Protein backbone atom coordinates (compact mmCIF):
# COMPACT_ATOMS: atom_id res chain seq x y z
CA MET A 1 52.59 60.90 56.67
CA GLU A 2 52.26 57.84 54.46
CA LEU A 3 56.04 57.22 54.42
CA ALA A 4 56.12 57.29 58.22
CA GLU A 5 53.31 54.74 58.23
CA LEU A 6 55.20 52.75 55.63
CA GLY A 7 58.19 52.56 57.96
CA THR A 8 56.01 51.47 60.86
CA PHE A 9 54.37 48.78 58.74
CA LEU A 10 57.74 47.45 57.52
CA ARG A 11 59.10 47.31 61.06
CA ASN A 12 55.98 45.53 62.32
CA ARG A 13 56.11 42.88 59.61
CA ARG A 14 59.88 42.44 59.97
CA GLU A 15 59.46 41.62 63.64
CA ARG A 16 56.85 38.95 62.80
CA VAL A 17 58.97 36.96 60.34
CA ARG A 18 61.20 34.27 61.80
CA PRO A 19 64.58 33.59 60.14
CA GLN A 20 63.63 29.97 59.45
CA ASP A 21 60.54 31.20 57.58
CA VAL A 22 62.76 32.74 54.90
CA GLY A 23 65.54 30.17 54.81
CA LEU A 24 67.96 31.95 57.15
CA PRO A 25 69.89 30.15 59.93
CA VAL A 26 68.99 30.79 63.57
CA GLY A 27 72.18 31.50 65.50
CA PRO A 28 72.57 30.78 69.24
CA ARG A 29 73.25 34.44 70.08
CA ARG A 30 70.27 35.91 68.31
CA ARG A 31 68.75 38.81 70.26
CA VAL A 32 65.52 39.23 68.30
CA SER A 33 62.83 36.72 67.37
CA GLY A 34 62.08 38.36 64.02
CA LEU A 35 64.37 39.44 61.21
CA ARG A 36 67.14 41.99 61.63
CA ARG A 37 67.21 45.03 59.36
CA ASP A 38 70.32 43.81 57.57
CA GLU A 39 68.61 40.47 56.85
CA VAL A 40 65.60 42.14 55.26
CA ALA A 41 67.95 44.32 53.22
CA GLN A 42 69.85 41.25 52.05
CA LEU A 43 66.68 39.41 51.07
CA ALA A 44 65.37 42.45 49.17
CA GLY A 45 68.64 43.21 47.38
CA ALA A 46 69.15 46.60 49.06
CA SER A 47 71.80 48.12 51.30
CA THR A 48 71.22 48.06 55.04
CA ASP A 49 71.53 51.83 55.24
CA TYR A 50 68.80 52.27 52.64
CA TYR A 51 66.47 49.87 54.40
CA ILE A 52 67.00 51.74 57.66
CA GLN A 53 65.93 54.91 55.85
CA LEU A 54 62.75 53.15 54.75
CA GLU A 55 61.83 52.17 58.30
CA ARG A 56 62.48 55.75 59.39
CA GLY A 57 60.10 57.05 56.72
CA ALA A 58 62.96 58.96 55.10
CA ALA A 59 62.84 57.41 51.60
CA GLN A 60 60.22 56.47 49.02
CA PRO A 61 60.95 53.04 47.52
CA SER A 62 60.53 52.21 43.86
CA GLU A 63 57.94 49.72 42.67
CA GLN A 64 60.69 47.14 42.16
CA MET A 65 61.92 47.58 45.72
CA LEU A 66 58.39 47.37 47.11
CA ALA A 67 57.89 44.07 45.29
CA ALA A 68 61.20 42.79 46.66
CA LEU A 69 60.25 43.85 50.20
CA ALA A 70 56.87 42.13 49.90
CA ARG A 71 58.66 38.93 48.96
CA ALA A 72 61.31 39.26 51.65
CA LEU A 73 58.69 39.79 54.36
CA ARG A 74 56.34 37.12 52.98
CA LEU A 75 53.44 39.56 52.74
CA THR A 76 50.02 38.34 51.70
CA HIS A 77 48.43 39.77 48.57
CA ASP A 78 46.39 42.26 50.63
CA GLU A 79 49.43 43.30 52.67
CA ARG A 80 51.41 43.81 49.46
CA ASP A 81 48.70 46.11 48.08
CA TYR A 82 48.65 48.06 51.35
CA LEU A 83 52.44 48.48 51.17
CA PHE A 84 52.19 49.94 47.65
CA ARG A 85 49.46 52.35 48.71
CA LEU A 86 51.50 53.59 51.68
CA ALA A 87 54.35 54.31 49.27
CA ALA A 88 51.96 56.12 46.88
CA ARG A 89 52.85 53.70 44.08
CA PRO A 90 50.41 52.16 41.58
CA LEU A 91 49.57 48.54 42.17
CA PRO A 92 51.59 46.27 39.87
CA SER A 93 50.03 43.87 37.41
CA GLN A 94 49.65 40.24 38.35
CA THR A 95 52.06 39.05 35.67
CA GLY A 96 54.72 41.75 35.32
CA SER A 97 58.18 41.81 36.88
CA SER A 98 56.75 43.32 40.10
CA ALA A 99 53.99 40.73 40.44
CA HIS A 100 53.39 39.34 43.89
CA VAL A 101 55.03 35.94 44.30
CA GLN A 102 52.77 33.54 46.13
CA PRO A 103 54.16 32.79 49.63
CA GLY A 104 53.95 29.06 48.99
CA MET A 105 56.21 29.43 45.97
CA LEU A 106 58.72 31.40 48.04
CA ASP A 107 58.64 28.80 50.81
CA LEU A 108 59.51 26.09 48.32
CA LEU A 109 62.24 28.23 46.79
CA ASP A 110 63.81 28.68 50.24
CA ARG A 111 63.91 24.92 50.66
CA LEU A 112 66.02 24.46 47.52
CA PRO A 113 69.31 26.13 48.54
CA SER A 114 71.48 23.52 46.80
CA THR A 115 69.50 23.52 43.54
CA PRO A 116 69.20 26.31 40.96
CA ALA A 117 65.59 27.46 41.22
CA GLN A 118 63.48 30.48 40.34
CA VAL A 119 59.89 31.69 40.02
CA ILE A 120 58.72 33.07 36.68
CA THR A 121 55.39 34.15 35.20
CA ASP A 122 53.61 32.30 32.43
CA LEU A 123 54.98 35.00 30.07
CA GLN A 124 58.56 34.09 31.02
CA VAL A 125 59.21 37.10 33.28
CA THR A 126 61.49 36.25 36.18
CA LEU A 127 60.12 37.28 39.58
CA VAL A 128 62.70 35.88 41.99
CA GLN A 129 65.55 33.35 41.97
CA ASN A 130 67.96 31.80 44.42
CA PRO A 131 71.73 32.47 44.21
CA LEU A 132 72.49 29.23 42.33
CA ALA A 133 69.95 30.07 39.63
CA ARG A 134 71.55 33.46 39.17
CA ALA A 135 75.00 31.86 38.99
CA LEU A 136 73.74 29.39 36.37
CA LEU A 137 71.54 31.63 34.25
CA GLY A 138 72.71 35.18 34.84
CA ALA A 139 70.51 38.21 35.47
CA PRO A 140 68.03 39.64 32.96
CA PRO A 141 68.01 43.32 32.02
CA GLU A 142 66.29 45.66 34.45
CA THR A 143 63.38 46.60 32.24
CA ARG A 144 59.60 46.59 31.93
CA GLY A 145 57.14 45.94 29.15
CA PRO A 146 57.56 43.14 26.59
CA ARG A 147 61.35 43.11 26.95
CA ALA A 148 61.07 41.91 30.56
CA SER A 149 59.96 38.58 29.07
CA PHE A 150 62.70 36.11 28.19
CA LEU A 151 60.35 34.85 25.49
CA TYR A 152 60.35 38.30 23.86
CA ARG A 153 64.13 38.63 24.11
CA TRP A 154 64.55 35.14 22.67
CA PHE A 155 62.92 36.18 19.42
CA THR A 156 64.23 39.75 19.22
CA GLU A 157 67.72 39.73 20.77
CA PRO A 158 70.13 37.12 19.32
CA ASP A 159 72.50 37.33 22.30
CA SER A 160 69.83 35.85 24.57
CA ARG A 161 70.16 32.55 22.71
CA ARG A 162 73.71 32.01 23.91
CA LEU A 163 72.19 30.26 26.90
CA TYR A 164 71.50 27.19 24.76
CA PRO A 165 73.64 25.36 22.14
CA PRO A 166 72.79 26.57 18.59
CA GLU A 167 71.59 23.16 17.46
CA GLU A 168 68.78 23.33 20.04
CA HIS A 169 67.47 26.79 19.21
CA ASP A 170 64.71 25.51 16.93
CA HIS A 171 63.44 23.18 19.65
CA HIS A 172 63.23 25.98 22.20
CA SER A 173 61.57 28.35 19.73
CA ARG A 174 58.82 25.84 19.06
CA ALA A 175 58.39 25.10 22.77
CA PHE A 176 58.13 28.81 23.65
CA VAL A 177 55.46 29.47 21.02
CA SER A 178 53.42 26.36 21.82
CA ASP A 179 53.45 27.26 25.49
CA LEU A 180 52.34 30.82 24.73
CA ARG A 181 49.38 29.41 22.77
CA ALA A 182 48.38 27.52 25.91
CA VAL A 183 48.59 30.76 27.91
CA VAL A 184 46.24 32.44 25.44
CA GLY A 185 43.81 29.54 25.82
CA ARG A 186 43.81 30.00 29.57
CA ARG A 187 43.88 33.83 29.83
CA GLY A 188 42.04 34.85 26.68
CA ARG A 189 42.58 38.38 25.39
CA ASP A 190 44.44 39.63 28.43
CA PRO A 191 46.02 43.00 27.40
CA GLN A 192 49.48 41.97 28.56
CA VAL A 193 49.32 38.77 26.54
CA THR A 194 48.02 40.44 23.38
CA ASP A 195 50.63 43.21 23.68
CA LEU A 196 53.42 40.63 23.86
CA ILE A 197 52.06 38.71 20.87
CA ASP A 198 51.53 41.86 18.78
CA ASN A 199 55.11 42.96 19.40
CA LEU A 200 56.52 39.55 18.55
CA LEU A 201 54.50 39.36 15.35
CA ARG A 202 55.78 42.81 14.43
CA TYR A 203 59.46 42.22 15.11
CA SER A 204 60.09 38.50 14.55
CA SER A 205 59.31 36.67 11.33
CA GLU A 206 60.39 33.41 13.00
CA PHE A 207 57.78 33.88 15.71
CA ALA A 208 55.11 34.79 13.14
CA GLU A 209 55.81 31.61 11.19
CA LEU A 210 55.64 29.41 14.30
CA TRP A 211 52.57 31.22 15.61
CA ALA A 212 50.72 30.46 12.39
CA ARG A 213 51.20 26.73 12.99
CA GLN A 214 48.69 26.83 15.91
CA ASP A 215 50.70 24.35 18.01
CA VAL A 216 49.64 24.19 21.68
CA ALA A 217 51.61 22.53 24.49
CA VAL A 218 52.25 23.58 28.09
CA ARG A 219 55.95 23.36 28.91
CA ARG A 220 55.80 21.22 32.04
CA SER A 221 59.31 19.74 32.02
CA ASP A 222 62.28 19.56 29.72
CA ARG A 223 65.86 18.40 29.36
CA LYS A 224 68.03 21.48 28.99
CA ARG A 225 71.64 21.88 27.93
CA ILE A 226 72.73 25.21 29.38
CA VAL A 227 75.91 26.93 28.25
CA HIS A 228 77.85 28.34 31.21
CA PRO A 229 80.87 30.62 30.58
CA SER A 230 83.08 28.79 33.10
CA LEU A 231 81.69 25.25 33.34
CA GLY A 232 80.79 24.60 29.71
CA VAL A 233 77.54 22.85 28.84
CA LEU A 234 75.45 21.51 31.70
CA ASP A 235 72.93 18.80 30.78
CA LEU A 236 70.10 19.27 33.28
CA ASN A 237 66.52 18.31 33.95
CA CYS A 238 64.21 21.32 34.30
CA LEU A 239 61.13 20.61 36.38
CA THR A 240 58.13 22.90 36.80
CA LEU A 241 55.57 23.43 39.53
CA PHE A 242 52.58 25.61 38.61
CA SER A 243 50.63 27.94 40.87
CA GLU A 244 46.93 27.24 41.28
CA ASP A 245 45.95 29.90 38.72
CA GLY A 246 48.71 28.84 36.32
CA GLN A 247 50.23 32.33 36.10
CA GLN A 248 53.39 31.55 38.08
CA ARG A 249 55.87 28.71 37.80
CA LEU A 250 58.61 27.43 40.07
CA LEU A 251 61.46 26.02 37.98
CA TRP A 252 64.28 23.97 39.44
CA PHE A 253 67.22 22.28 37.76
CA THR A 254 68.65 18.89 38.68
CA ALA A 255 71.46 16.77 37.32
CA PRO A 256 70.65 13.24 36.12
CA PRO A 257 72.24 10.73 38.55
CA GLY A 258 75.72 9.68 37.48
CA SER A 259 76.05 12.40 34.85
CA ALA A 260 78.84 14.95 34.51
CA ALA A 261 76.34 17.64 35.49
CA VAL A 262 76.37 16.37 39.10
CA GLU A 263 79.96 17.53 39.52
CA GLN A 264 79.32 20.67 37.46
CA LEU A 265 76.53 21.77 39.81
CA GLU A 266 78.82 21.13 42.78
CA LEU A 267 81.44 23.37 41.17
CA LEU A 268 78.79 25.97 40.42
CA SER A 269 77.94 26.18 44.12
CA VAL A 270 81.57 27.15 44.75
CA ILE A 271 82.87 29.21 41.84
CA GLY A 272 79.47 30.52 40.77
CA LEU A 273 78.57 32.05 44.10
CA GLN A 274 82.04 33.54 44.46
CA GLN A 275 81.33 35.56 41.32
CA LEU A 276 78.19 37.08 42.83
CA THR A 277 78.51 40.39 44.62
CA PRO A 278 75.90 42.05 46.87
CA ASP A 279 73.78 44.71 45.24
CA THR A 280 75.13 48.16 46.02
CA ASP A 281 72.62 50.31 44.18
CA PRO A 282 72.12 53.83 45.47
CA PRO A 283 69.02 54.46 47.59
CA SER A 284 67.35 56.28 44.72
CA ASP A 285 67.26 53.21 42.52
CA PRO A 286 67.51 49.92 44.41
CA LYS A 287 67.16 46.81 42.27
CA ARG A 288 66.19 43.20 42.75
CA ALA A 289 68.41 40.68 41.01
CA GLY A 290 66.91 37.86 38.98
CA GLY A 291 67.63 35.66 35.99
CA SER A 292 65.36 34.20 33.37
CA ILE A 293 64.86 30.94 31.57
CA SER A 294 62.13 28.48 30.81
């Protein structure tokens, strides 16, 4: 019964969302005022056939797919919770990989189609990104727990550091730890925060040494040199917009005027997007793509 109601709810909300609300073009021959099923599927990173099954009440979506659907349909926080309950799934945490992205953040992300941009949590977990951000940064592993955080992978998985030139690793390590201190000051002994810190102290001596320094600094903006496998090193400005509660951040990357990165970003919009392929996960395990950096 709940899955049938889930399908009805998805269809109702799909018909209420206009293409321009989610950054899609409005063609002259459009027959419906809301979104088409294939458009919702595209936005959520699922196949059209699988999404049709959802509206028919013939499939039970994963927590990751529910989060992606909530974002695609611009659901409010209450509507997102209702969607999870209809699917008989536990409500996600406010800061994990399935956290609800604030509609205002998504609206801004949609308005940055020519700029790499993504929304992350204050623990460096990527929630959603636009195609250029994925082309620039790559996709993180599909995982939960501490490893979903780029901060955790930075200190425990050496390969994650290939994103930056080696001579800048120390700078980023210090910035990550100082920013995490600021998160602790704001959120106190939140279990998710303490779990991340405990794991980092256990598995990274570098983190433990930096943590003991007690440095505190919110990472509001930075100049980043990002190593891309095809374009080389891109020297970019990384700007940050914080949500009202400080637990989500919209990051976008721009090239300094007159720099080589201007042309590199133009090339990225061509060759980078050509390398991206639509998600073709089976209905039993649909996934939402997303990269990670801060």
